[in-house]
Amino acid sequence: MHDIQLPHHRLKAYAMALKLLDAIKAARIRDAYLRDHAIRSAKSAALNAAEGAGRVTRADKAQAFKVARSEAGEAAASTEIAVRAGDAEAAALEAVLDYANQFIAMMTALMR
């Protein structure tokens, strides 16, 4: 891949956010609005986790991680709603919820 290690590359939560994004894409959400919302929220979760990893002060890190945590919840909820409405692959939901739950727990721990 590459030899450069940026701060977010060392953050396990960032890798989890990427897994969440992949799982949401695997859900194949057919409703355009929910698909856009789920993918944008998952991307935002990863981006805010990366931003938090690069911040210096504890307060700055916590703020970015708080936003990342919320975005992951939105991404999971959008996928869950799509599945409930019959607009996404139900088999993918377990992975989405699992990755979101793990990511949210990681962000919560990093905010302390």
C-alpha atoms as a PDB file:
ATOM      1  CA  MET A   1       0.000   0.000   0.000  1.00  0.00           C
ATOM      2  CA  HIS A   2       2.255   2.825   1.266  1.00  0.00           C
ATOM      3  CA  ASP A   3       4.895   3.433   3.908  1.00  0.00           C
ATOM      4  CA  ILE A   4       3.556   6.743   5.194  1.00  0.00           C
ATOM      5  CA  GLN A   5       1.962   6.541   8.633  1.00  0.00           C
ATOM      6  CA  LEU A   6      -0.283   9.482   9.404  1.00  0.00           C
ATOM      7  CA  PRO A   7      -1.871   9.828  12.848  1.00  0.00           C
ATOM      8  CA  HIS A   8      -5.167   8.280  11.757  1.00  0.00           C
ATOM      9  CA  HIS A   9      -3.397   5.210  10.364  1.00  0.00           C
ATOM     10  CA  ARG A  10      -2.424   4.315  13.928  1.00  0.00           C
ATOM     11  CA  LEU A  11      -6.008   4.719  15.165  1.00  0.00           C
ATOM     12  CA  LYS A  12      -7.852   1.387  15.258  1.00  0.00           C
ATOM     13  CA  ALA A  13     -11.140   3.263  15.256  1.00  0.00           C
ATOM     14  CA  TYR A  14     -10.327   4.722  11.832  1.00  0.00           C
ATOM     15  CA  ALA A  15      -9.954   1.209  10.421  1.00  0.00           C
ATOM     16  CA  MET A  16     -13.286   0.301  12.043  1.00  0.00           C
ATOM     17  CA  ALA A  17     -14.922   3.319  10.400  1.00  0.00           C
ATOM     18  CA  LEU A  18     -13.700   2.085   7.015  1.00  0.00           C
ATOM     19  CA  LYS A  19     -15.191  -1.342   7.762  1.00  0.00           C
ATOM     20  CA  LEU A  20     -18.471   0.388   8.599  1.00  0.00           C
ATOM     21  CA  LEU A  21     -18.389   2.208   5.256  1.00  0.00           C
ATOM     22  CA  ASP A  22     -17.713  -1.048   3.403  1.00  0.00           C
ATOM     23  CA  ALA A  23     -20.556  -2.814   5.242  1.00  0.00           C
ATOM     24  CA  ILE A  24     -22.973  -0.018   4.383  1.00  0.00           C
ATOM     25  CA  LYS A  25     -21.994  -0.231   0.729  1.00  0.00           C
ATOM     26  CA  ALA A  26     -22.546  -4.018   0.898  1.00  0.00           C
ATOM     27  CA  ALA A  27     -26.107  -3.391   2.121  1.00  0.00           C
ATOM     28  CA  ARG A  28     -26.908  -2.070  -1.382  1.00  0.00           C
ATOM     29  CA  ILE A  29     -29.410   0.497  -0.201  1.00  0.00           C
ATOM     30  CA  ARG A  30     -31.852   1.116  -3.038  1.00  0.00           C
ATOM     31  CA  ASP A  31     -33.529   4.223  -1.629  1.00  0.00           C
ATOM     32  CA  ALA A  32     -31.368   7.042  -3.012  1.00  0.00           C
ATOM     33  CA  TYR A  33     -31.964   9.370  -0.065  1.00  0.00           C
ATOM     34  CA  LEU A  34     -31.136   6.768   2.588  1.00  0.00           C
ATOM     35  CA  ARG A  35     -28.159   5.467   0.602  1.00  0.00           C
ATOM     36  CA  ASP A  36     -26.734   8.978   0.263  1.00  0.00           C
ATOM     37  CA  HIS A  37     -27.333   9.703   3.934  1.00  0.00           C
ATOM     38  CA  ALA A  38     -25.812   6.422   5.136  1.00  0.00           C
ATOM     39  CA  ILE A  39     -22.714   6.739   2.965  1.00  0.00           C
ATOM     40  CA  ARG A  40     -22.180  10.435   3.734  1.00  0.00           C
ATOM     41  CA  SER A  41     -22.531   9.762   7.465  1.00  0.00           C
ATOM     42  CA  ALA A  42     -20.103   6.831   7.338  1.00  0.00           C
ATOM     43  CA  LYS A  43     -17.586   8.932   5.416  1.00  0.00           C
ATOM     44  CA  SER A  44     -18.000  11.723   7.950  1.00  0.00           C
ATOM     45  CA  ALA A  45     -17.424   9.296  10.819  1.00  0.00           C
ATOM     46  CA  ALA A  46     -14.130   8.202   9.264  1.00  0.00           C
ATOM     47  CA  LEU A  47     -13.079  11.757   8.438  1.00  0.00           C
ATOM     48  CA  ASN A  48     -13.839  13.056  11.919  1.00  0.00           C
ATOM     49  CA  ALA A  49     -11.980  10.141  13.506  1.00  0.00           C
ATOM     50  CA  ALA A  50      -8.993  11.022  11.318  1.00  0.00           C
ATOM     51  CA  GLU A  51      -9.320  14.676  12.260  1.00  0.00           C
ATOM     52  CA  GLY A  52      -9.406  13.805  15.957  1.00  0.00           C
ATOM     53  CA  ALA A  53      -6.302  11.656  15.605  1.00  0.00           C
ATOM     54  CA  GLY A  54      -4.452  14.643  14.187  1.00  0.00           C
ATOM     55  CA  ARG A  55      -5.586  17.129  16.808  1.00  0.00           C
ATOM     56  CA  VAL A  56      -3.259  18.035  19.669  1.00  0.00           C
ATOM     57  CA  THR A  57      -5.323  19.124  22.649  1.00  0.00           C
ATOM     58  CA  ARG A  58      -7.582  16.741  24.514  1.00  0.00           C
ATOM     59  CA  ALA A  59     -10.588  19.048  24.041  1.00  0.00           C
ATOM     60  CA  ASP A  60     -10.039  19.293  20.271  1.00  0.00           C
ATOM     61  CA  LYS A  61      -9.698  15.523  19.998  1.00  0.00           C
ATOM     62  CA  ALA A  62     -12.854  14.970  22.054  1.00  0.00           C
ATOM     63  CA  GLN A  63     -14.888  17.345  19.875  1.00  0.00           C
ATOM     64  CA  ALA A  64     -13.900  15.566  16.644  1.00  0.00           C
ATOM     65  CA  PHE A  65     -14.505  12.142  18.203  1.00  0.00           C
ATOM     66  CA  LYS A  66     -17.930  13.279  19.455  1.00  0.00           C
ATOM     67  CA  VAL A  67     -18.972  14.236  15.930  1.00  0.00           C
ATOM     68  CA  ALA A  68     -17.558  10.969  14.546  1.00  0.00           C
ATOM     69  CA  ARG A  69     -19.553   8.976  17.089  1.00  0.00           C
ATOM     70  CA  SER A  70     -22.796  10.733  16.147  1.00  0.00           C
ATOM     71  CA  GLU A  71     -22.188  10.255  12.435  1.00  0.00           C
ATOM     72  CA  ALA A  72     -21.647   6.519  12.894  1.00  0.00           C
ATOM     73  CA  GLY A  73     -24.973   6.294  14.688  1.00  0.00           C
ATOM     74  CA  GLU A  74     -26.682   8.105  11.816  1.00  0.00           C
ATOM     75  CA  ALA A  75     -25.044   5.843   9.257  1.00  0.00           C
ATOM     76  CA  ALA A  76     -26.221   2.740  11.095  1.00  0.00           C
ATOM     77  CA  ALA A  77     -29.732   4.134  11.577  1.00  0.00           C
ATOM     78  CA  SER A  78     -30.038   5.038   7.894  1.00  0.00           C
ATOM     79  CA  THR A  79     -29.109   1.503   6.933  1.00  0.00           C
ATOM     80  CA  GLU A  80     -31.415   0.014   9.544  1.00  0.00           C
ATOM     81  CA  ILE A  81     -34.332   2.110   8.280  1.00  0.00           C
ATOM     82  CA  ALA A  82     -33.580   1.087   4.692  1.00  0.00           C
ATOM     83  CA  VAL A  83     -33.620  -2.583   5.670  1.00  0.00           C
ATOM     84  CA  ARG A  84     -36.835  -2.149   7.663  1.00  0.00           C
ATOM     85  CA  ALA A  85     -38.445  -0.466   4.625  1.00  0.00           C
ATOM     86  CA  GLY A  86     -37.343  -3.295   2.344  1.00  0.00           C
ATOM     87  CA  ASP A  87     -34.893  -1.065   0.502  1.00  0.00           C
ATOM     88  CA  ALA A  88     -31.623  -2.799   1.433  1.00  0.00           C
ATOM     89  CA  GLU A  89     -30.044  -6.217   1.917  1.00  0.00           C
ATOM     90  CA  ALA A  90     -31.119  -7.452   5.350  1.00  0.00           C
ATOM     91  CA  ALA A  91     -28.165  -9.839   5.559  1.00  0.00           C
ATOM     92  CA  ALA A  92     -25.754  -6.876   5.674  1.00  0.00           C
ATOM     93  CA  LEU A  93     -27.408  -5.196   8.647  1.00  0.00           C
ATOM     94  CA  GLU A  94     -25.721  -7.299  11.342  1.00  0.00           C
ATOM     95  CA  ALA A  95     -22.257  -6.270  10.155  1.00  0.00           C
ATOM     96  CA  VAL A  96     -23.290  -2.607   9.905  1.00  0.00           C
ATOM     97  CA  LEU A  97     -24.642  -2.596  13.448  1.00  0.00           C
ATOM     98  CA  ASP A  98     -21.633  -4.510  14.790  1.00  0.00           C
ATOM     99  CA  TYR A  99     -19.070  -2.167  13.208  1.00  0.00           C
ATOM    100  CA  ALA A 100     -21.055   0.912  14.242  1.00  0.00           C
ATOM    101  CA  ASN A 101     -21.313  -0.367  17.815  1.00  0.00           C
ATOM    102  CA  GLN A 102     -17.586  -1.070  18.004  1.00  0.00           C
ATOM    103  CA  PHE A 103     -16.719   2.297  16.465  1.00  0.00           C
ATOM    104  CA  ILE A 104     -19.022   4.187  18.829  1.00  0.00           C
ATOM    105  CA  ALA A 105     -17.484   2.401  21.815  1.00  0.00           C
ATOM    106  CA  MET A 106     -13.993   3.300  20.593  1.00  0.00           C
ATOM    107  CA  MET A 107     -14.934   6.950  20.109  1.00  0.00           C
ATOM    108  CA  THR A 108     -16.546   7.083  23.554  1.00  0.00           C
ATOM    109  CA  ALA A 109     -13.372   5.710  25.150  1.00  0.00           C
ATOM    110  CA  LEU A 110     -11.193   8.181  23.253  1.00  0.00           C
ATOM    111  CA  MET A 111     -13.329  11.110  24.393  1.00  0.00           C
ATOM    112  CA  ARG A 112     -12.587  10.458  28.062  1.00  0.00           C
END
